[in-house]
Amino acid sequence: MADKTIFGRLQKLFSTSTIVRKTQDGVKVVDTDEYQNMTTNLVDRFMKMRVTNYGTGQMESSMAYQQVRIDLFRDYDSMDMDPILHSALNTYADETSARNEMGNVLKIHHEDDNIKQILENLFYDILNVEFNLWPWTRNLVKYGDFYLQLEMAENIGIINVLPMSTYEMSRIEGFDQENPQRVKFVYAPYQNPYNAVGQTAKKEYENYEIAHFRLNNDSNFLPYGKSMLEGGRRVWKQLMLMEDAMLIHRVMRAPEKRIFKVDVGNIPPNEVDNYMQKIINGSKKVPFIDERTGEYNLKYNMQNLIEDYYMPVRGSDNGTSIDTLKGLEYNMTDDLNYLKGKLMAALQIPKAYLGYEEDTNGKATLAAIDVRFAKTIERIQRVIISEFTKIAIVHLYSQGIDDDRLTNFTLELTIPSKIYEQEKIELYTSKVALITQMQQTKMFSKEWMYQAIMGLAKDEQDDLTLQVLDDTKQQFRLTSIETQGVDPAKETGTNGPTNIEEELDRLKTELEEDNVGRPKDPVRYGHDDHPDGRDPLGIKTLKSKEGSVKKYVPKNSYLEIFKDMNGNKKKILTENLDKE
């Protein structure tokens, strides 16, 4: 038997790739898993080690592929300790979770105020997106995946969310032959596979229980997402090797060294070494205080012996002298800048955002860079909005809402770039100015300009015209109140408001040609019930005192009429024409 509980119905709702609801405007399809954009049926470089077949027809992720994922995550953790990449991840999170002019992180649109209030309570009170959206986004762009466990209660909806470790979560697809689009999630901790009781900690979740945020922009990583750091992972390793080589070179080769030229005079050659060692031992002593005894001593310094050179000379006029040998200069900074440029190109973040000066020719170049980065942030926001939509559907469905209101809502995050919005405004300003000039020339029709310049269809133009008329009515009302102190929406002598549109429709109906002349309904004088007004036969409604009314009841049956006629027989006088 089918499971009629709320959890069974949720499982059935999310057993397909899309959720379809019929609305007033047609059919609306919600693709929370973004199956329409990407498909897992593509053959990629990880397919051979991803899938294992145990002979049961169930396809699951192999251990080799899980190990590759864990290795990637470890690289991402190491990259997070780099100052440049750490700042880049923070920049992604900051721009994605920016607030709008009203101070809101997420904007909710719905025609039903009740549904809108429910969703605002979900995201702002239960999920607390104002605080949690920043770390959620940072983990998403870092690993490419982020998981939220949804805790639900019947007739209440989602009551709590729990972030899950990316290391320990797996997404399983294609395990159900009857329903290939079914999805489940497996939690399998690799460090502690057993709990305190000795039972396995592995647990399976249905699709509606997990919100899987994933940057699925590369089929090679499906069914998982691709990290924003993946494009620069190879370059980052090269940069680390180059920086380590530079550090070693500067430590070992860069310092200046001293050359001691000691005049040995007439010392025999076999005694020169002992004499030089005596000179070295005497000059390489440094002050040292023993921490245990507090005694002052001279300690031998090995480092200075390695850095400096001692050379015996004989027969020199200058005698003993000390010269300085310059260290080797490191000229590989250009290589480092080259690798840093490639790394930042992979991140798609302007250098100025990361604390690096960027050579730009003017504001136009900087604006173009900002717009490109805003498009990158919009792509991340679309992924977040997709999973937020799934969470909202689960919450509304758990509260018993299953009609078109279940999907008839929109969620919107703040556009990160003000320059991006400014360009849109400038575009509309140019179009409006062009339409104004073309109207003055009277060479083009209004419909053609709306269609060619504004890109509006005929029905959109009609809707726009009606909206303009409504705005004109409201403006007329405001002008009347300001100038005359009279509200046209209220009847004269009454305090109650009157709908102007309804009043105009009533007057229009009265003036129609069909309603001119004698009314269709007969006029009734007094309280007569006869359809022709006064009873032409003289049978009136008899009234006595209040509450006692005797009305004429017409006979409905012809048998009663004949019976009445037989009961009142009359004698007819006839003339007998027969003669006696």
Protein backbone atom coordinates (compact mmCIF):
# COMPACT_ATOMS: atom_id res chain seq x y z
CA MET A 1 0.00 0.00 0.00
CA ALA A 2 1.10 3.53 -0.72
CA ASP A 3 2.50 5.51 2.18
CA LYS A 4 0.00 8.30 2.92
CA THR A 5 2.05 9.96 5.65
CA ILE A 6 3.66 13.33 5.10
CA PHE A 7 7.11 11.75 4.73
CA GLY A 8 5.83 9.21 2.22
CA ARG A 9 4.20 11.95 0.18
CA LEU A 10 7.40 14.01 0.33
CA GLN A 11 9.37 11.01 -0.94
CA LYS A 12 6.94 10.64 -3.83
CA LEU A 13 7.08 14.39 -4.56
CA PHE A 14 10.89 14.37 -4.86
CA SER A 15 11.16 10.99 -6.59
CA THR A 16 11.19 12.68 -10.00
CA SER A 17 13.57 15.22 -11.45
CA THR A 18 11.03 18.06 -11.56
CA ILE A 19 8.01 19.31 -9.66
CA VAL A 20 5.13 20.36 -11.89
CA ARG A 21 2.25 22.56 -10.79
CA LYS A 22 -0.56 24.09 -12.86
CA THR A 23 -1.00 27.80 -12.25
CA GLN A 24 -3.20 30.53 -13.68
CA ASP A 25 -0.53 31.39 -16.22
CA GLY A 26 -0.01 27.80 -17.30
CA VAL A 27 2.27 25.03 -16.09
CA LYS A 28 5.26 25.80 -13.85
CA VAL A 29 8.16 23.36 -13.62
CA VAL A 30 10.60 23.56 -10.70
CA ASP A 31 13.92 21.79 -11.23
CA THR A 32 15.53 21.83 -7.79
CA ASP A 33 18.32 19.39 -8.73
CA GLU A 34 19.05 21.18 -12.01
CA TYR A 35 18.63 18.04 -14.11
CA GLN A 36 17.69 20.19 -17.05
CA ASN A 37 21.11 21.84 -17.07
CA MET A 38 23.36 18.83 -16.54
CA THR A 39 23.04 15.09 -16.79
CA THR A 40 25.01 12.30 -15.19
CA ASN A 41 24.81 10.10 -18.26
CA LEU A 42 27.86 11.79 -19.77
CA VAL A 43 31.06 9.78 -19.92
CA ASP A 44 33.80 11.59 -18.07
CA ARG A 45 37.27 10.94 -16.78
CA PHE A 46 36.08 9.71 -13.39
CA MET A 47 33.45 7.23 -14.62
CA LYS A 48 35.67 4.14 -14.49
CA MET A 49 36.61 4.56 -10.87
CA ARG A 50 33.33 6.11 -9.73
CA VAL A 51 30.88 3.30 -10.39
CA THR A 52 31.00 -0.23 -9.06
CA ASN A 53 28.50 -2.97 -9.81
CA TYR A 54 27.92 -5.53 -7.12
CA GLY A 55 25.80 -7.76 -9.34
CA THR A 56 22.54 -6.48 -7.89
CA GLY A 57 21.97 -3.81 -10.47
CA GLN A 58 22.68 -1.06 -7.96
CA MET A 59 25.32 1.47 -8.96
CA GLU A 60 27.24 3.08 -6.14
CA SER A 61 30.36 5.16 -5.76
CA SER A 62 33.53 3.14 -5.59
CA MET A 63 36.11 3.42 -2.85
CA ALA A 64 38.69 4.68 -5.32
CA TYR A 65 36.51 7.59 -6.35
CA GLN A 66 35.71 8.45 -2.73
CA GLN A 67 39.42 8.47 -1.96
CA VAL A 68 40.04 10.83 -4.89
CA ARG A 69 37.36 13.18 -3.54
CA ILE A 70 38.93 13.15 -0.09
CA ASP A 71 42.36 13.92 -1.60
CA LEU A 72 40.84 16.86 -3.45
CA PHE A 73 39.23 18.15 -0.26
CA ARG A 74 42.57 17.94 1.54
CA ASP A 75 44.16 20.03 -1.20
CA TYR A 76 41.38 22.56 -0.81
CA ASP A 77 42.03 22.74 2.93
CA SER A 78 45.72 23.38 2.25
CA MET A 79 44.84 26.03 -0.31
CA ASP A 80 42.59 27.71 2.27
CA MET A 81 45.69 28.40 4.39
CA ASP A 82 47.20 30.44 1.56
CA PRO A 83 46.54 34.17 2.16
CA ILE A 84 45.45 34.83 -1.43
CA LEU A 85 43.02 31.93 -1.63
CA HIS A 86 41.75 32.52 1.90
CA SER A 87 40.90 36.09 0.95
CA ALA A 88 39.31 34.87 -2.30
CA LEU A 89 36.94 32.52 -0.46
CA ASN A 90 35.97 35.32 1.90
CA THR A 91 35.31 37.58 -1.09
CA TYR A 92 32.99 35.01 -2.68
CA ALA A 93 31.01 34.71 0.55
CA ASP A 94 30.87 38.47 1.13
CA GLU A 95 29.60 39.30 -2.32
CA THR A 96 27.07 36.46 -2.42
CA SER A 97 25.51 37.29 0.97
CA ALA A 98 25.43 41.07 0.50
CA ARG A 99 22.46 43.07 1.79
CA ASN A 100 20.17 45.22 -0.32
CA GLU A 101 19.10 48.81 0.30
CA MET A 102 16.53 47.66 2.86
CA GLY A 103 19.04 45.58 4.80
CA ASN A 104 17.67 42.20 3.68
CA VAL A 105 19.81 39.34 2.43
CA LEU A 106 16.99 37.41 0.72
CA LYS A 107 13.96 38.90 -1.02
CA ILE A 108 10.77 36.80 -1.23
CA HIS A 109 8.01 37.41 -3.78
CA HIS A 110 4.55 35.82 -3.54
CA GLU A 111 1.04 37.04 -4.31
CA ASP A 112 -0.33 35.42 -1.16
CA ASP A 113 0.72 37.39 1.90
CA ASN A 114 0.20 34.36 4.11
CA ILE A 115 2.62 32.22 2.08
CA LYS A 116 5.10 35.08 1.99
CA GLN A 117 4.97 35.37 5.77
CA ILE A 118 5.52 31.62 6.13
CA LEU A 119 8.61 31.74 3.90
CA GLU A 120 10.00 34.78 5.71
CA ASN A 121 9.64 32.92 8.99
CA LEU A 122 11.41 29.92 7.46
CA PHE A 123 14.45 31.72 6.07
CA TYR A 124 14.92 34.50 8.61
CA ASP A 125 13.82 32.82 11.86
CA ILE A 126 14.44 29.09 11.35
CA LEU A 127 17.34 29.03 8.87
CA ASN A 128 18.73 32.43 9.98
CA VAL A 129 20.13 33.19 6.54
CA GLU A 130 21.40 36.58 7.68
CA PHE A 131 24.06 34.78 9.73
CA ASN A 132 24.37 31.32 8.14
CA LEU A 133 24.43 32.24 4.46
CA TRP A 134 28.03 33.48 4.70
CA PRO A 135 29.61 30.23 6.04
CA TRP A 136 27.34 28.10 3.83
CA THR A 137 28.49 29.96 0.73
CA ARG A 138 32.14 29.78 1.75
CA ASN A 139 32.01 26.00 2.16
CA LEU A 140 30.14 25.69 -1.13
CA VAL A 141 32.74 27.56 -3.19
CA LYS A 142 35.58 25.85 -1.31
CA TYR A 143 34.54 22.21 -1.80
CA GLY A 144 32.02 22.57 -4.62
CA ASP A 145 29.41 20.83 -2.44
CA PHE A 146 27.53 21.65 0.71
CA TYR A 147 24.92 19.55 2.53
CA LEU A 148 22.13 20.54 4.90
CA GLN A 149 20.06 17.99 6.78
CA LEU A 150 16.45 19.12 7.13
CA GLU A 151 14.69 18.27 10.38
CA MET A 152 10.92 18.27 9.85
CA ALA A 153 7.73 17.88 11.81
CA GLU A 154 4.31 17.10 10.36
CA ASN A 155 1.99 20.10 9.93
CA ILE A 156 4.84 22.36 11.06
CA GLY A 157 7.50 21.92 8.37
CA ILE A 158 11.21 22.44 8.81
CA ILE A 159 12.17 23.17 12.40
CA ASN A 160 15.97 22.97 12.14
CA VAL A 161 18.85 22.41 9.73
CA LEU A 162 22.15 20.67 10.41
CA PRO A 163 25.23 21.17 8.19
CA MET A 164 26.84 17.87 7.16
CA SER A 165 30.54 17.20 6.50
CA THR A 166 31.44 17.16 2.85
CA TYR A 167 34.04 14.48 3.55
CA GLU A 168 31.42 12.05 4.84
CA MET A 169 28.45 12.60 2.50
CA SER A 170 27.81 10.77 -0.76
CA ARG A 171 25.14 11.28 -3.42
CA ILE A 172 23.80 8.07 -4.97
CA GLU A 173 21.94 8.07 -8.29
CA GLY A 174 20.67 5.36 -10.62
CA PHE A 175 20.22 2.73 -7.90
CA ASP A 176 16.49 2.26 -8.57
CA GLN A 177 15.80 0.56 -11.90
CA GLU A 178 12.10 1.38 -11.76
CA ASN A 179 12.82 5.06 -11.12
CA PRO A 180 16.29 6.01 -12.44
CA GLN A 181 15.83 9.63 -11.36
CA ARG A 182 15.51 8.76 -7.69
CA VAL A 183 18.26 10.16 -5.48
CA LYS A 184 19.45 9.26 -2.01
CA PHE A 185 22.27 10.43 0.23
CA VAL A 186 24.56 8.31 2.39
CA TYR A 187 26.35 9.51 5.50
CA ALA A 188 29.41 7.34 6.15
CA PRO A 189 32.05 8.75 8.54
CA TYR A 190 35.45 7.32 7.57
CA GLN A 191 37.18 8.16 10.84
CA ASN A 192 34.57 6.78 13.23
CA PRO A 193 32.53 4.22 11.29
CA TYR A 194 30.91 2.89 14.48
CA ASN A 195 29.09 4.69 17.25
CA ALA A 196 29.44 4.24 21.00
CA VAL A 197 27.12 1.22 21.03
CA GLY A 198 29.12 -0.55 18.36
CA GLN A 199 26.55 -0.06 15.61
CA THR A 200 27.48 1.29 12.22
CA ALA A 201 27.18 5.06 11.93
CA LYS A 202 26.29 4.81 8.24
CA LYS A 203 22.89 6.31 7.53
CA GLU A 204 20.82 6.86 4.39
CA TYR A 205 18.68 9.92 3.69
CA GLU A 206 15.96 10.51 1.14
CA ASN A 207 16.16 13.36 -1.34
CA TYR A 208 13.75 15.58 0.57
CA GLU A 209 15.81 15.23 3.79
CA ILE A 210 19.02 16.71 2.34
CA ALA A 211 19.57 20.05 0.62
CA HIS A 212 22.57 19.50 -1.66
CA PHE A 213 24.19 22.72 -2.81
CA ARG A 214 26.55 21.96 -5.71
CA LEU A 215 28.38 23.93 -8.38
CA ASN A 216 27.58 21.54 -11.20
CA ASN A 217 29.31 23.43 -13.97
CA ASP A 218 31.49 20.52 -15.12
CA SER A 219 30.22 17.10 -16.12
CA ASN A 220 33.51 15.50 -15.08
CA PHE A 221 32.58 15.98 -11.43
CA LEU A 222 28.93 14.87 -11.54
CA PRO A 223 26.96 13.98 -9.50
CA TYR A 224 28.98 16.35 -7.32
CA GLY A 225 29.97 19.94 -7.80
CA LYS A 226 33.26 21.52 -8.82
CA SER A 227 35.10 23.80 -6.43
CA MET A 228 35.95 27.35 -7.41
CA LEU A 229 39.53 26.52 -6.37
CA GLU A 230 39.87 23.55 -8.71
CA GLY A 231 40.89 25.64 -11.73
CA GLY A 232 43.87 27.06 -9.84
CA ARG A 233 44.89 23.93 -7.90
CA ARG A 234 47.72 22.94 -10.28
CA VAL A 235 48.99 26.53 -10.55
CA TRP A 236 48.88 26.85 -6.77
CA LYS A 237 51.15 23.81 -6.36
CA GLN A 238 53.62 25.29 -8.85
CA LEU A 239 53.52 28.60 -7.02
CA MET A 240 54.24 26.89 -3.70
CA LEU A 241 57.27 25.08 -5.17
CA MET A 242 58.55 28.32 -6.64
CA GLU A 243 58.16 30.18 -3.35
CA ASP A 244 59.94 27.41 -1.42
CA ALA A 245 62.82 27.46 -3.91
CA MET A 246 63.07 31.22 -3.55
CA LEU A 247 63.13 30.94 0.24
CA ILE A 248 65.88 28.32 0.26
CA HIS A 249 67.91 30.28 -2.24
CA ARG A 250 67.66 33.49 -0.25
CA VAL A 251 68.63 31.78 2.99
CA MET A 252 71.60 29.90 1.60
CA ARG A 253 72.89 32.13 -1.17
CA ALA A 254 71.66 35.62 -0.69
CA PRO A 255 73.56 36.69 2.51
CA GLU A 256 76.84 38.51 2.08
CA LYS A 257 80.00 36.68 3.14
CA ARG A 258 83.29 37.97 4.52
CA ILE A 259 86.73 37.01 3.30
CA PHE A 260 89.47 37.12 5.93
CA LYS A 261 92.95 37.37 4.40
CA VAL A 262 95.40 36.49 7.21
CA ASP A 263 99.07 37.26 6.71
CA VAL A 264 101.03 34.22 7.85
CA GLY A 265 104.41 35.91 7.42
CA ASN A 266 107.36 33.54 7.81
CA ILE A 267 105.40 30.73 9.42
CA PRO A 268 106.43 27.36 8.02
CA PRO A 269 103.91 25.80 5.69
CA ASN A 270 103.30 22.85 7.97
CA GLU A 271 102.22 25.18 10.78
CA VAL A 272 99.90 27.41 8.69
CA ASP A 273 96.83 25.24 9.31
CA ASN A 274 97.27 25.28 13.07
CA TYR A 275 97.81 29.00 13.02
CA MET A 276 94.65 29.58 10.88
CA GLN A 277 92.56 27.36 13.16
CA LYS A 278 93.78 29.33 16.16
CA ILE A 279 92.75 32.57 14.46
CA ILE A 280 89.32 31.14 13.53
CA ASN A 281 88.66 29.83 17.03
CA GLY A 282 89.55 33.12 18.54
CA SER A 283 87.37 35.22 16.23
CA LYS A 284 84.31 32.97 16.15
CA LYS A 285 83.46 33.12 19.81
CA VAL A 286 80.16 34.75 20.77
CA PRO A 287 78.87 35.65 24.25
CA PHE A 288 76.68 32.97 25.81
CA ILE A 289 74.94 32.75 29.20
CA ASP A 290 74.09 29.29 30.46
CA GLU A 291 70.41 29.18 31.52
CA ARG A 292 71.00 26.49 34.13
CA THR A 293 74.07 27.95 35.87
CA GLY A 294 73.93 31.57 34.80
CA GLU A 295 77.62 31.51 33.94
CA TYR A 296 79.05 33.75 31.23
CA ASN A 297 80.85 31.77 28.55
CA LEU A 298 82.03 32.00 24.98
CA LYS A 299 80.23 29.59 22.68
CA TYR A 300 81.46 28.44 19.33
CA ASN A 301 79.30 29.68 16.41
CA MET A 302 79.14 27.18 13.57
CA GLN A 303 77.02 29.33 11.28
CA ASN A 304 79.59 32.06 11.01
CA LEU A 305 82.22 29.48 10.11
CA ILE A 306 80.04 28.32 7.20
CA GLU A 307 79.25 31.81 5.97
CA ASP A 308 82.77 33.30 6.09
CA TYR A 309 85.98 32.41 4.30
CA TYR A 310 89.50 32.40 5.86
CA MET A 311 92.41 32.53 3.49
CA PRO A 312 96.15 32.63 4.45
CA VAL A 313 98.30 35.04 2.43
CA ARG A 314 102.01 35.51 2.37
CA GLY A 315 104.20 38.31 1.13
CA SER A 316 101.42 40.86 0.83
CA ASP A 317 102.17 44.47 1.48
CA ASN A 318 98.75 45.06 3.04
CA GLY A 319 99.08 42.37 5.66
CA THR A 320 95.88 41.03 7.20
CA SER A 321 92.69 42.35 5.53
CA ILE A 322 88.90 41.67 5.48
CA ASP A 323 86.86 41.83 2.27
CA THR A 324 83.10 41.37 1.60
CA LEU A 325 81.66 38.94 -0.96
CA LYS A 326 78.22 39.94 -2.26
CA GLY A 327 75.41 37.40 -2.14
CA LEU A 328 73.72 36.00 -5.22
CA GLU A 329 70.71 38.01 -6.35
CA TYR A 330 67.39 36.21 -6.91
CA ASN A 331 65.88 37.28 -10.22
CA MET A 332 62.82 34.97 -10.31
CA THR A 333 60.19 37.40 -9.05
CA ASP A 334 58.82 37.70 -12.58
CA ASP A 335 58.12 33.98 -12.56
CA LEU A 336 56.27 34.33 -9.28
CA ASN A 337 54.15 37.19 -10.62
CA TYR A 338 53.35 35.11 -13.69
CA LEU A 339 52.07 32.23 -11.57
CA LYS A 340 50.11 34.60 -9.31
CA GLY A 341 48.45 36.11 -12.37
CA LYS A 342 47.37 32.67 -13.58
CA LEU A 343 46.05 31.81 -10.12
CA MET A 344 43.95 34.97 -9.93
CA ALA A 345 42.66 34.39 -13.45
CA ALA A 346 41.42 30.99 -12.32
CA LEU A 347 39.68 32.57 -9.33
CA GLN A 348 37.91 35.16 -11.55
CA ILE A 349 38.35 37.81 -8.86
CA PRO A 350 39.79 41.26 -9.65
CA LYS A 351 43.27 41.77 -8.21
CA ALA A 352 42.14 44.92 -6.44
CA TYR A 353 39.68 42.84 -4.37
CA LEU A 354 42.60 40.76 -3.04
CA GLY A 355 44.84 43.69 -2.11
CA TYR A 356 46.86 43.84 -5.33
CA GLU A 357 47.07 46.93 -7.47
CA GLU A 358 45.76 46.49 -10.95
CA ASP A 359 46.83 48.47 -13.97
CA THR A 360 43.69 49.91 -15.49
CA ASN A 361 43.38 52.62 -18.08
CA GLY A 362 40.29 54.17 -16.60
CA LYS A 363 36.96 53.72 -14.88
CA ALA A 364 35.52 51.91 -17.89
CA THR A 365 38.03 49.07 -17.57
CA LEU A 366 37.45 48.77 -13.84
CA ALA A 367 33.68 48.79 -14.37
CA ALA A 368 33.95 46.03 -16.95
CA ILE A 369 35.99 43.93 -14.52
CA ASP A 370 33.44 44.51 -11.78
CA VAL A 371 30.58 43.47 -14.06
CA ARG A 372 32.36 40.24 -15.04
CA PHE A 373 32.91 39.40 -11.39
CA ALA A 374 29.24 40.18 -10.66
CA LYS A 375 28.21 37.60 -13.26
CA THR A 376 30.38 35.02 -11.49
CA ILE A 377 28.64 35.82 -8.20
CA GLU A 378 25.24 35.58 -9.91
CA ARG A 379 26.09 32.05 -11.03
CA ILE A 380 26.80 31.07 -7.43
CA GLN A 381 23.59 32.78 -6.30
CA ARG A 382 21.52 30.77 -8.79
CA VAL A 383 22.81 27.55 -7.23
CA ILE A 384 21.87 28.78 -3.76
CA ILE A 385 18.43 29.96 -4.90
CA SER A 386 17.78 26.55 -6.46
CA GLU A 387 18.32 24.73 -3.17
CA PHE A 388 16.49 27.41 -1.21
CA THR A 389 13.53 26.75 -3.48
CA LYS A 390 13.71 23.05 -2.61
CA ILE A 391 13.80 23.86 1.10
CA ALA A 392 10.80 26.19 0.72
CA ILE A 393 8.79 23.54 -1.17
CA VAL A 394 9.51 20.94 1.51
CA HIS A 395 8.41 23.40 4.21
CA LEU A 396 5.17 24.42 2.45
CA TYR A 397 4.27 20.85 1.51
CA SER A 398 4.76 19.72 5.10
CA GLN A 399 2.23 22.34 6.17
CA GLY A 400 -0.39 20.93 3.80
CA ILE A 401 0.03 23.32 0.87
CA ASP A 402 0.03 21.30 -2.36
CA ASP A 403 -1.73 23.51 -4.92
CA ASP A 404 -0.21 26.10 -7.25
CA ARG A 405 0.90 28.14 -4.23
CA LEU A 406 3.52 25.46 -3.63
CA THR A 407 5.67 26.71 -6.49
CA ASN A 408 4.27 30.15 -7.26
CA PHE A 409 6.98 32.11 -5.47
CA THR A 410 10.36 33.58 -6.32
CA LEU A 411 13.50 34.08 -4.25
CA GLU A 412 16.10 36.71 -5.00
CA LEU A 413 19.53 37.49 -3.59
CA THR A 414 21.10 40.92 -3.77
CA ILE A 415 23.02 41.81 -6.93
CA PRO A 416 26.58 42.36 -5.74
CA SER A 417 27.65 45.03 -8.20
CA LYS A 418 26.21 48.53 -8.16
CA ILE A 419 27.92 49.20 -11.47
CA TYR A 420 25.99 46.28 -12.92
CA GLU A 421 22.71 47.84 -11.86
CA GLN A 422 23.86 51.25 -13.08
CA GLU A 423 24.52 49.84 -16.53
CA LYS A 424 20.96 48.46 -16.64
CA ILE A 425 19.60 51.88 -15.67
CA GLU A 426 21.68 53.60 -18.33
CA LEU A 427 20.42 51.11 -20.91
CA TYR A 428 16.77 51.82 -20.08
CA THR A 429 17.47 55.56 -20.09
CA SER A 430 18.90 55.36 -23.60
CA LYS A 431 15.95 53.32 -24.86
CA VAL A 432 13.40 55.74 -23.40
CA ALA A 433 15.23 58.72 -24.92
CA LEU A 434 15.29 57.01 -28.32
CA ILE A 435 11.56 56.23 -28.17
CA THR A 436 10.82 59.86 -27.25
CA GLN A 437 12.75 61.13 -30.25
CA MET A 438 11.07 58.65 -32.59
CA GLN A 439 7.61 59.66 -31.35
CA GLN A 440 8.35 63.27 -32.19
CA THR A 441 9.19 62.35 -35.76
CA LYS A 442 5.86 60.45 -36.12
CA MET A 443 7.54 57.96 -38.44
CA PHE A 444 7.02 54.83 -36.32
CA SER A 445 4.04 53.47 -34.47
CA LYS A 446 3.96 52.98 -30.73
CA GLU A 447 3.51 49.21 -31.09
CA TRP A 448 6.55 48.92 -33.37
CA MET A 449 8.78 50.91 -31.00
CA TYR A 450 7.68 48.86 -28.01
CA GLN A 451 8.39 45.65 -29.88
CA ALA A 452 11.64 46.61 -31.64
CA ILE A 453 13.32 48.66 -28.92
CA MET A 454 11.84 47.45 -25.63
CA GLY A 455 11.32 43.86 -26.77
CA LEU A 456 7.69 43.69 -25.57
CA ALA A 457 5.13 41.36 -27.11
CA LYS A 458 1.58 42.42 -27.95
CA ASP A 459 0.03 41.03 -24.76
CA GLU A 460 2.79 42.62 -22.69
CA GLN A 461 2.05 45.95 -24.33
CA ASP A 462 -1.65 45.64 -23.49
CA ASP A 463 -0.87 44.80 -19.87
CA LEU A 464 1.51 47.72 -19.69
CA THR A 465 -1.13 50.07 -21.10
CA LEU A 466 -3.67 48.98 -18.46
CA GLN A 467 -1.10 49.50 -15.73
CA VAL A 468 -0.39 52.99 -17.05
CA LEU A 469 -4.14 53.75 -16.93
CA ASP A 470 -4.28 52.59 -13.32
CA ASP A 471 -1.34 54.81 -12.47
CA THR A 472 -3.08 57.74 -14.16
CA LYS A 473 -6.23 57.17 -12.09
CA GLN A 474 -4.22 57.10 -8.88
CA GLN A 475 -2.37 60.25 -9.90
CA PHE A 476 -5.68 62.00 -10.61
CA ARG A 477 -6.94 60.95 -7.19
CA LEU A 478 -3.85 62.31 -5.44
CA THR A 479 -4.04 65.57 -7.38
CA SER A 480 -7.70 66.03 -6.41
CA ILE A 481 -6.93 65.47 -2.76
CA GLU A 482 -4.03 67.93 -2.82
CA THR A 483 -5.75 70.71 -4.76
CA GLN A 484 -9.45 70.39 -3.90
CA GLY A 485 -9.36 68.39 -0.69
CA VAL A 486 -11.86 65.91 -2.15
CA ASP A 487 -11.22 62.20 -2.64
CA PRO A 488 -12.84 61.10 -5.92
CA ALA A 489 -12.92 57.54 -4.63
CA LYS A 490 -15.51 58.50 -1.99
CA GLU A 491 -19.14 59.32 -2.66
CA THR A 492 -20.35 62.81 -1.82
CA GLY A 493 -21.93 62.95 1.60
CA THR A 494 -20.71 59.52 2.65
CA ASN A 495 -17.69 58.36 4.50
CA GLY A 496 -17.34 55.01 2.85
CA PRO A 497 -14.96 54.61 -0.09
CA THR A 498 -16.23 53.81 -3.54
CA ASN A 499 -14.33 51.90 -6.12
CA ILE A 500 -13.87 54.17 -9.12
CA GLU A 501 -13.43 51.28 -11.56
CA GLU A 502 -16.65 49.61 -10.42
CA GLU A 503 -18.58 52.90 -10.62
CA LEU A 504 -17.36 53.52 -14.17
CA ASP A 505 -18.32 50.00 -15.18
CA ARG A 506 -21.81 50.49 -13.71
CA LEU A 507 -22.34 53.73 -15.60
CA LYS A 508 -21.07 52.13 -18.77
CA THR A 509 -23.50 49.26 -18.36
CA GLU A 510 -26.43 51.63 -17.88
CA LEU A 511 -25.56 53.49 -21.04
CA GLU A 512 -25.38 50.40 -23.19
CA GLU A 513 -27.87 50.18 -26.01
CA ASP A 514 -29.47 46.99 -24.76
CA ASN A 515 -30.45 48.53 -21.46
CA VAL A 516 -32.06 51.66 -22.96
CA GLY A 517 -35.89 51.77 -22.96
CA ARG A 518 -38.45 49.82 -21.00
CA PRO A 519 -36.83 47.67 -18.33
CA LYS A 520 -36.99 43.94 -18.80
CA ASP A 521 -38.31 43.35 -15.26
CA PRO A 522 -41.89 44.64 -14.78
CA VAL A 523 -42.50 47.47 -12.39
CA ARG A 524 -44.31 46.41 -9.28
CA TYR A 525 -46.53 48.97 -7.60
CA GLY A 526 -46.96 48.53 -3.92
CA HIS A 527 -46.80 44.95 -2.81
CA ASP A 528 -48.77 43.24 -5.56
CA ASP A 529 -47.41 39.83 -6.49
CA HIS A 530 -48.95 39.58 -9.94
CA PRO A 531 -46.33 39.74 -12.71
CA ASP A 532 -48.32 42.45 -14.50
CA GLY A 533 -48.50 44.73 -11.54
CA ARG A 534 -52.04 45.33 -10.36
CA ASP A 535 -54.25 42.26 -10.64
CA PRO A 536 -56.42 42.86 -13.69
CA LEU A 537 -59.08 40.46 -12.38
CA GLY A 538 -59.47 42.31 -9.12
CA ILE A 539 -57.96 39.56 -6.95
CA LYS A 540 -55.70 41.49 -4.65
CA THR A 541 -53.48 40.55 -1.81
CA LEU A 542 -55.58 40.89 1.23
CA LYS A 543 -53.95 42.34 4.25
CA SER A 544 -55.37 42.65 7.68
CA LYS A 545 -53.27 43.22 10.68
CA GLU A 546 -49.52 43.00 10.71
CA GLY A 547 -48.44 39.38 10.56
CA SER A 548 -51.68 38.11 8.98
CA VAL A 549 -51.46 38.04 5.22
CA LYS A 550 -53.69 36.07 2.92
CA LYS A 551 -52.43 35.72 -0.60
CA TYR A 552 -54.03 34.44 -3.74
CA VAL A 553 -52.67 31.05 -4.61
CA PRO A 554 -53.19 30.15 -8.25
CA LYS A 555 -54.29 26.64 -9.01
CA ASN A 556 -51.60 24.65 -10.57
CA SER A 557 -53.55 21.53 -11.50
CA TYR A 558 -56.13 21.46 -14.27
CA LEU A 559 -58.03 18.75 -12.35
CA GLU A 560 -58.65 21.16 -9.53
CA ILE A 561 -59.98 23.68 -12.04
CA PHE A 562 -62.41 21.16 -13.53
CA LYS A 563 -63.46 20.07 -10.06
CA ASP A 564 -64.21 23.60 -9.14
CA MET A 565 -66.22 24.03 -12.32
CA ASN A 566 -68.31 20.92 -11.57
CA GLY A 567 -69.08 22.14 -8.07
CA ASN A 568 -70.57 25.38 -9.31
CA LYS A 569 -72.99 24.26 -11.98
CA LYS A 570 -75.33 26.92 -13.29
CA LYS A 571 -78.76 26.50 -14.98
CA ILE A 572 -78.95 28.09 -18.36
CA LEU A 573 -82.32 29.48 -19.49
CA THR A 574 -83.14 28.38 -22.98
CA GLU A 575 -86.08 29.21 -25.18
CA ASN A 576 -88.22 26.35 -26.35
CA LEU A 577 -88.96 26.91 -29.98
CA ASP A 578 -91.25 23.90 -30.29
CA LYS A 579 -94.87 24.84 -30.78
CA GLU A 580 -97.54 22.94 -29.06
